[in-house]
Amino acid sequence: MFETQSSLNSLHVKISELVQKYKDLSAENESLRQEVVRVKAQGEAKDVQIAKLEEDLRKKDMESDDIISKIEAVLGR
């Protein structure tokens, strides 16, 4: 009887430890999931910013080409 009670107590302790570990890992998983969402949002915002900067650069290149064409026309080239 004492051995059975001891085994039951041991199982109870182990189950309690497993439940606590599960709760801890679940909380960590949720925290990591939120971090992934945040990092993805930052990445998307940076992608938008990069696209805008690339478009601005294309416009500046076109303006530069236009100015060079005008200068060459004035110089008769």
PDB file of N, CA and C in Angstrom:
ATOM      1  N   MET A   1       0.829  -1.195   0.000  1.00  0.00           N
ATOM      2  CA  MET A   1       0.000   0.000   0.000  1.00  0.00           C
ATOM      3  C   MET A   1       0.875   1.261   0.000  1.00  0.00           C
ATOM      4  N   PHE A   2       1.888   1.264   0.861  1.00  0.00           N
ATOM      5  CA  PHE A   2       2.777   2.424   0.930  1.00  0.00           C
ATOM      6  C   PHE A   2       3.495   2.632  -0.405  1.00  0.00           C
ATOM      7  N   GLU A   3       3.888   1.530  -1.036  1.00  0.00           N
ATOM      8  CA  GLU A   3       4.572   1.603  -2.329  1.00  0.00           C
ATOM      9  C   GLU A   3       3.651   2.170  -3.402  1.00  0.00           C
ATOM     10  N   THR A   4       2.396   1.771  -3.399  1.00  0.00           N
ATOM     11  CA  THR A   4       1.414   2.287  -4.357  1.00  0.00           C
ATOM     12  C   THR A   4       1.205   3.776  -4.143  1.00  0.00           C
ATOM     13  N   GLN A   5       1.082   4.184  -2.897  1.00  0.00           N
ATOM     14  CA  GLN A   5       0.895   5.608  -2.593  1.00  0.00           C
ATOM     15  C   GLN A   5       2.118   6.398  -3.026  1.00  0.00           C
ATOM     16  N   SER A   6       3.294   5.857  -2.792  1.00  0.00           N
ATOM     17  CA  SER A   6       4.527   6.516  -3.197  1.00  0.00           C
ATOM     18  C   SER A   6       4.602   6.653  -4.711  1.00  0.00           C
ATOM     19  N   SER A   7       4.201   5.603  -5.417  1.00  0.00           N
ATOM     20  CA  SER A   7       4.187   5.648  -6.887  1.00  0.00           C
ATOM     21  C   SER A   7       3.198   6.685  -7.392  1.00  0.00           C
ATOM     22  N   LEU A   8       2.036   6.735  -6.760  1.00  0.00           N
ATOM     23  CA  LEU A   8       1.024   7.719  -7.152  1.00  0.00           C
ATOM     24  C   LEU A   8       1.517   9.142  -6.893  1.00  0.00           C
ATOM     25  N   ASN A   9       2.167   9.354  -5.777  1.00  0.00           N
ATOM     26  CA  ASN A   9       2.712  10.675  -5.469  1.00  0.00           C
ATOM     27  C   ASN A   9       3.794  11.060  -6.477  1.00  0.00           C
ATOM     28  N   SER A  10       4.618  10.086  -6.819  1.00  0.00           N
ATOM     29  CA  SER A  10       5.678  10.331  -7.797  1.00  0.00           C
ATOM     30  C   SER A  10       5.089  10.684  -9.153  1.00  0.00           C
ATOM     31  N   LEU A  11       4.059   9.927  -9.554  1.00  0.00           N
ATOM     32  CA  LEU A  11       3.386  10.229 -10.827  1.00  0.00           C
ATOM     33  C   LEU A  11       2.738  11.606 -10.786  1.00  0.00           C
ATOM     34  N   HIS A  12       2.121  11.927  -9.674  1.00  0.00           N
ATOM     35  CA  HIS A  12       1.473  13.237  -9.522  1.00  0.00           C
ATOM     36  C   HIS A  12       2.506  14.364  -9.680  1.00  0.00           C
ATOM     37  N   VAL A  13       3.657  14.207  -9.055  1.00  0.00           N
ATOM     38  CA  VAL A  13       4.717  15.213  -9.142  1.00  0.00           C
ATOM     39  C   VAL A  13       5.194  15.341 -10.591  1.00  0.00           C
ATOM     40  N   LYS A  14       5.402  14.219 -11.242  1.00  0.00           N
ATOM     41  CA  LYS A  14       5.885  14.244 -12.628  1.00  0.00           C
ATOM     42  C   LYS A  14       4.856  14.861 -13.569  1.00  0.00           C
ATOM     43  N   ILE A  15       3.598  14.527 -13.349  1.00  0.00           N
ATOM     44  CA  ILE A  15       2.534  15.109 -14.183  1.00  0.00           C
ATOM     45  C   ILE A  15       2.453  16.611 -13.943  1.00  0.00           C
ATOM     46  N   SER A  16       2.561  17.024 -12.708  1.00  0.00           N
ATOM     47  CA  SER A  16       2.532  18.462 -12.389  1.00  0.00           C
ATOM     48  C   SER A  16       3.699  19.186 -13.057  1.00  0.00           C
ATOM     49  N   GLU A  17       4.870  18.562 -13.027  1.00  0.00           N
ATOM     50  CA  GLU A  17       6.032  19.163 -13.685  1.00  0.00           C
ATOM     51  C   GLU A  17       5.825  19.262 -15.192  1.00  0.00           C
ATOM     52  N   LEU A  18       5.258  18.197 -15.777  1.00  0.00           N
ATOM     53  CA  LEU A  18       4.996  18.220 -17.222  1.00  0.00           C
ATOM     54  C   LEU A  18       3.969  19.286 -17.593  1.00  0.00           C
ATOM     55  N   VAL A  19       2.934  19.424 -16.793  1.00  0.00           N
ATOM     56  CA  VAL A  19       1.911  20.444 -17.051  1.00  0.00           C
ATOM     57  C   VAL A  19       2.532  21.831 -16.963  1.00  0.00           C
ATOM     58  N   GLN A  20       3.369  22.057 -15.961  1.00  0.00           N
ATOM     59  CA  GLN A  20       4.022  23.367 -15.821  1.00  0.00           C
ATOM     60  C   GLN A  20       4.955  23.633 -16.995  1.00  0.00           C
ATOM     61  N   LYS A  21       5.693  22.607 -17.396  1.00  0.00           N
ATOM     62  CA  LYS A  21       6.593  22.770 -18.541  1.00  0.00           C
ATOM     63  C   LYS A  21       5.795  23.077 -19.810  1.00  0.00           C
ATOM     64  N   TYR A  22       4.657  22.407 -19.973  1.00  0.00           N
ATOM     65  CA  TYR A  22       3.794  22.672 -21.120  1.00  0.00           C
ATOM     66  C   TYR A  22       3.317  24.121 -21.114  1.00  0.00           C
ATOM     67  N   LYS A  23       2.881  24.601 -19.948  1.00  0.00           N
ATOM     68  CA  LYS A  23       2.417  25.990 -19.841  1.00  0.00           C
ATOM     69  C   LYS A  23       3.544  26.971 -20.155  1.00  0.00           C
ATOM     70  N   ASP A  24       4.735  26.681 -19.633  1.00  0.00           N
ATOM     71  CA  ASP A  24       5.886  27.558 -19.896  1.00  0.00           C
ATOM     72  C   ASP A  24       6.225  27.591 -21.373  1.00  0.00           C
ATOM     73  N   LEU A  25       6.241  26.406 -21.994  1.00  0.00           N
ATOM     74  CA  LEU A  25       6.572  26.337 -23.426  1.00  0.00           C
ATOM     75  C   LEU A  25       5.482  26.973 -24.284  1.00  0.00           C
ATOM     76  N   SER A  26       4.231  26.832 -23.861  1.00  0.00           N
ATOM     77  CA  SER A  26       3.136  27.479 -24.589  1.00  0.00           C
ATOM     78  C   SER A  26       3.275  29.003 -24.541  1.00  0.00           C
ATOM     79  N   ALA A  27       3.623  29.520 -23.371  1.00  0.00           N
ATOM     80  CA  ALA A  27       3.817  30.970 -23.237  1.00  0.00           C
ATOM     81  C   ALA A  27       5.000  31.431 -24.075  1.00  0.00           C
ATOM     82  N   GLU A  28       6.073  30.665 -24.061  1.00  0.00           N
ATOM     83  CA  GLU A  28       7.241  31.019 -24.880  1.00  0.00           C
ATOM     84  C   GLU A  28       6.899  30.961 -26.366  1.00  0.00           C
ATOM     85  N   ASN A  29       6.126  29.952 -26.756  1.00  0.00           N
ATOM     86  CA  ASN A  29       5.709  29.822 -28.147  1.00  0.00           C
ATOM     87  C   ASN A  29       4.883  31.024 -28.588  1.00  0.00           C
ATOM     88  N   GLU A  30       3.963  31.456 -27.746  1.00  0.00           N
ATOM     89  CA  GLU A  30       3.139  32.624 -28.063  1.00  0.00           C
ATOM     90  C   GLU A  30       4.000  33.874 -28.184  1.00  0.00           C
ATOM     91  N   SER A  31       4.948  34.023 -27.292  1.00  0.00           N
ATOM     92  CA  SER A  31       5.857  35.167 -27.349  1.00  0.00           C
ATOM     93  C   SER A  31       6.658  35.163 -28.651  1.00  0.00           C
ATOM     94  N   LEU A  32       7.154  33.998 -29.023  1.00  0.00           N
ATOM     95  CA  LEU A  32       7.918  33.889 -30.272  1.00  0.00           C
ATOM     96  C   LEU A  32       7.025  34.136 -31.492  1.00  0.00           C
ATOM     97  N   ARG A  33       5.781  33.664 -31.426  1.00  0.00           N
ATOM     98  CA  ARG A  33       4.850  33.903 -32.532  1.00  0.00           C
ATOM     99  C   ARG A  33       4.604  35.402 -32.708  1.00  0.00           C
ATOM    100  N   GLN A  34       4.423  36.096 -31.604  1.00  0.00           N
ATOM    101  CA  GLN A  34       4.215  37.546 -31.668  1.00  0.00           C
ATOM    102  C   GLN A  34       5.452  38.243 -32.212  1.00  0.00           C
ATOM    103  N   GLU A  35       6.617  37.767 -31.850  1.00  0.00           N
ATOM    104  CA  GLU A  35       7.856  38.361 -32.359  1.00  0.00           C
ATOM    105  C   GLU A  35       7.974  38.140 -33.871  1.00  0.00           C
ATOM    106  N   VAL A  36       7.598  36.947 -34.334  1.00  0.00           N
ATOM    107  CA  VAL A  36       7.635  36.665 -35.775  1.00  0.00           C
ATOM    108  C   VAL A  36       6.694  37.604 -36.520  1.00  0.00           C
ATOM    109  N   VAL A  37       5.501  37.810 -35.976  1.00  0.00           N
ATOM    110  CA  VAL A  37       4.532  38.719 -36.603  1.00  0.00           C
ATOM    111  C   VAL A  37       5.098  40.133 -36.668  1.00  0.00           C
ATOM    112  N   ARG A  38       5.725  40.561 -35.579  1.00  0.00           N
ATOM    113  CA  ARG A  38       6.304  41.916 -35.526  1.00  0.00           C
ATOM    114  C   ARG A  38       7.437  42.061 -36.535  1.00  0.00           C
ATOM    115  N   VAL A  39       8.302  41.056 -36.605  1.00  0.00           N
ATOM    116  CA  VAL A  39       9.438  41.120 -37.524  1.00  0.00           C
ATOM    117  C   VAL A  39       8.958  41.081 -38.982  1.00  0.00           C
ATOM    118  N   LYS A  40       7.931  40.283 -39.255  1.00  0.00           N
ATOM    119  CA  LYS A  40       7.371  40.247 -40.615  1.00  0.00           C
ATOM    120  C   LYS A  40       6.807  41.615 -40.999  1.00  0.00           C
ATOM    121  N   ALA A  41       6.114  42.257 -40.070  1.00  0.00           N
ATOM    122  CA  ALA A  41       5.552  43.578 -40.338  1.00  0.00           C
ATOM    123  C   ALA A  41       6.672  44.586 -40.602  1.00  0.00           C
ATOM    124  N   GLN A  42       7.744  44.504 -39.834  1.00  0.00           N
ATOM    125  CA  GLN A  42       8.886  45.397 -40.061  1.00  0.00           C
ATOM    126  C   GLN A  42       9.497  45.136 -41.430  1.00  0.00           C
ATOM    127  N   GLY A  43       9.617  43.873 -41.794  1.00  0.00           N
ATOM    128  CA  GLY A  43      10.171  43.520 -43.103  1.00  0.00           C
ATOM    129  C   GLY A  43       9.318  44.065 -44.231  1.00  0.00           C
ATOM    130  N   GLU A  44       8.002  43.944 -44.092  1.00  0.00           N
ATOM    131  CA  GLU A  44       7.100  44.464 -45.115  1.00  0.00           C
ATOM    132  C   GLU A  44       7.204  45.981 -45.213  1.00  0.00           C
ATOM    133  N   ALA A  45       7.314  46.661 -44.085  1.00  0.00           N
ATOM    134  CA  ALA A  45       7.457  48.114 -44.088  1.00  0.00           C
ATOM    135  C   ALA A  45       8.760  48.514 -44.772  1.00  0.00           C
ATOM    136  N   LYS A  46       9.819  47.770 -44.523  1.00  0.00           N
ATOM    137  CA  LYS A  46      11.103  48.061 -45.174  1.00  0.00           C
ATOM    138  C   LYS A  46      11.027  47.795 -46.669  1.00  0.00           C
ATOM    139  N   ASP A  47      10.305  46.736 -47.062  1.00  0.00           N
ATOM    140  CA  ASP A  47      10.133  46.452 -48.488  1.00  0.00           C
ATOM    141  C   ASP A  47       9.418  47.607 -49.194  1.00  0.00           C
ATOM    142  N   VAL A  48       8.407  48.155 -48.536  1.00  0.00           N
ATOM    143  CA  VAL A  48       7.677  49.296 -49.101  1.00  0.00           C
ATOM    144  C   VAL A  48       8.605  50.497 -49.212  1.00  0.00           C
ATOM    145  N   GLN A  49       9.393  50.730 -48.180  1.00  0.00           N
ATOM    146  CA  GLN A  49      10.315  51.863 -48.193  1.00  0.00           C
ATOM    147  C   GLN A  49      11.365  51.682 -49.294  1.00  0.00           C
ATOM    148  N   ILE A  50      11.884  50.478 -49.450  1.00  0.00           N
ATOM    149  CA  ILE A  50      12.877  50.205 -50.496  1.00  0.00           C
ATOM    150  C   ILE A  50      12.268  50.435 -51.874  1.00  0.00           C
ATOM    151  N   ALA A  51      11.044  49.968 -52.083  1.00  0.00           N
ATOM    152  CA  ALA A  51      10.372  50.167 -53.372  1.00  0.00           C
ATOM    153  C   ALA A  51      10.204  51.660 -53.664  1.00  0.00           C
ATOM    154  N   LYS A  52       9.838  52.438 -52.649  1.00  0.00           N
ATOM    155  CA  LYS A  52       9.680  53.891 -52.838  1.00  0.00           C
ATOM    156  C   LYS A  52      11.023  54.527 -53.188  1.00  0.00           C
ATOM    157  N   LEU A  53      12.070  54.130 -52.492  1.00  0.00           N
ATOM    158  CA  LEU A  53      13.398  54.691 -52.776  1.00  0.00           C
ATOM    159  C   LEU A  53      13.883  54.304 -54.177  1.00  0.00           C
ATOM    160  N   GLU A  54      13.594  53.073 -54.581  1.00  0.00           N
ATOM    161  CA  GLU A  54      13.970  52.659 -55.938  1.00  0.00           C
ATOM    162  C   GLU A  54      13.225  53.475 -56.988  1.00  0.00           C
ATOM    163  N   GLU A  55      11.936  53.735 -56.743  1.00  0.00           N
ATOM    164  CA  GLU A  55      11.149  54.551 -57.674  1.00  0.00           C
ATOM    165  C   GLU A  55      11.692  55.979 -57.710  1.00  0.00           C
ATOM    166  N   ASP A  56      12.026  56.527 -56.560  1.00  0.00           N
ATOM    167  CA  ASP A  56      12.622  57.870 -56.513  1.00  0.00           C
ATOM    168  C   ASP A  56      13.936  57.908 -57.288  1.00  0.00           C
ATOM    169  N   LEU A  57      14.732  56.868 -57.151  1.00  0.00           N
ATOM    170  CA  LEU A  57      16.006  56.789 -57.865  1.00  0.00           C
ATOM    171  C   LEU A  57      15.782  56.727 -59.374  1.00  0.00           C
ATOM    172  N   ARG A  58      14.786  55.928 -59.804  1.00  0.00           N
ATOM    173  CA  ARG A  58      14.474  55.872 -61.244  1.00  0.00           C
ATOM    174  C   ARG A  58      14.062  57.247 -61.772  1.00  0.00           C
ATOM    175  N   LYS A  59      13.252  57.960 -60.983  1.00  0.00           N
ATOM    176  CA  LYS A  59      12.820  59.301 -61.402  1.00  0.00           C
ATOM    177  C   LYS A  59      14.013  60.249 -61.499  1.00  0.00           C
ATOM    178  N   LYS A  60      14.913  60.170 -60.523  1.00  0.00           N
ATOM    179  CA  LYS A  60      16.104  61.035 -60.542  1.00  0.00           C
ATOM    180  C   LYS A  60      16.991  60.690 -61.735  1.00  0.00           C
ATOM    181  N   ASP A  61      17.118  59.402 -62.044  1.00  0.00           N
ATOM    182  CA  ASP A  61      17.901  58.999 -63.208  1.00  0.00           C
ATOM    183  C   ASP A  61      17.294  59.553 -64.494  1.00  0.00           C
ATOM    184  N   MET A  62      15.956  59.500 -64.587  1.00  0.00           N
ATOM    185  CA  MET A  62      15.292  60.039 -65.783  1.00  0.00           C
ATOM    186  C   MET A  62      15.496  61.548 -65.872  1.00  0.00           C
ATOM    187  N   GLU A  63      15.406  62.231 -64.736  1.00  0.00           N
ATOM    188  CA  GLU A  63      15.630  63.678 -64.723  1.00  0.00           C
ATOM    189  C   GLU A  63      17.065  63.992 -65.139  1.00  0.00           C
ATOM    190  N   SER A  64      18.012  63.219 -64.638  1.00  0.00           N
ATOM    191  CA  SER A  64      19.415  63.427 -65.003  1.00  0.00           C
ATOM    192  C   SER A  64      19.625  63.207 -66.500  1.00  0.00           C
ATOM    193  N   ASP A  65      19.036  62.140 -67.024  1.00  0.00           N
ATOM    194  CA  ASP A  65      19.152  61.859 -68.459  1.00  0.00           C
ATOM    195  C   ASP A  65      18.539  62.987 -69.281  1.00  0.00           C
ATOM    196  N   ASP A  66      17.413  63.507 -68.813  1.00  0.00           N
ATOM    197  CA  ASP A  66      16.754  64.609 -69.521  1.00  0.00           C
ATOM    198  C   ASP A  66      17.631  65.862 -69.501  1.00  0.00           C
ATOM    199  N   ILE A  67      18.220  66.170 -68.360  1.00  0.00           N
ATOM    200  CA  ILE A  67      19.098  67.342 -68.253  1.00  0.00           C
ATOM    201  C   ILE A  67      20.319  67.171 -69.145  1.00  0.00           C
ATOM    202  N   ILE A  68      20.910  65.976 -69.143  1.00  0.00           N
ATOM    203  CA  ILE A  68      22.076  65.723 -69.992  1.00  0.00           C
ATOM    204  C   ILE A  68      21.705  65.876 -71.456  1.00  0.00           C
ATOM    205  N   SER A  69      20.523  65.389 -71.854  1.00  0.00           N
ATOM    206  CA  SER A  69      20.070  65.527 -73.233  1.00  0.00           C
ATOM    207  C   SER A  69      19.922  67.000 -73.618  1.00  0.00           C
ATOM    208  N   LYS A  70      19.380  67.797 -72.712  1.00  0.00           N
ATOM    209  CA  LYS A  70      19.199  69.228 -72.969  1.00  0.00           C
ATOM    210  C   LYS A  70      20.539  69.942 -73.088  1.00  0.00           C
ATOM    211  N   ILE A  71      21.480  69.582 -72.201  1.00  0.00           N
ATOM    212  CA  ILE A  71      22.816  70.192 -72.273  1.00  0.00           C
ATOM    213  C   ILE A  71      23.496  69.824 -73.571  1.00  0.00           C
ATOM    214  N   GLU A  72      23.389  68.557 -73.968  1.00  0.00           N
ATOM    215  CA  GLU A  72      23.992  68.129 -75.233  1.00  0.00           C
ATOM    216  C   GLU A  72      23.350  68.831 -76.417  1.00  0.00           C
ATOM    217  N   ALA A  73      22.033  69.058 -76.333  1.00  0.00           N
ATOM    218  CA  ALA A  73      21.346  69.768 -77.426  1.00  0.00           C
ATOM    219  C   ALA A  73      21.845  71.201 -77.523  1.00  0.00           C
ATOM    220  N   VAL A  74      22.048  71.847 -76.382  1.00  0.00           N
ATOM    221  CA  VAL A  74      22.546  73.225 -76.376  1.00  0.00           C
ATOM    222  C   VAL A  74      23.968  73.267 -76.924  1.00  0.00           C
ATOM    223  N   LEU A  75      24.772  72.267 -76.571  1.00  0.00           N
ATOM    224  CA  LEU A  75      26.159  72.230 -77.025  1.00  0.00           C
ATOM    225  C   LEU A  75      26.272  71.737 -78.468  1.00  0.00           C
ATOM    226  N   GLY A  76      25.171  71.267 -79.012  1.00  0.00           N
ATOM    227  CA  GLY A  76      25.185  70.843 -80.409  1.00  0.00           C
ATOM    228  C   GLY A  76      25.774  69.462 -80.638  1.00  0.00           C
ATOM    229  N   ARG A  77      25.672  68.622 -79.709  1.00  0.00           N
ATOM    230  CA  ARG A  77      26.241  67.271 -79.860  1.00  0.00           C
ATOM    231  C   ARG A  77      25.237  66.314 -80.381  1.00  0.00           C
TER     232      ARG A  77
END
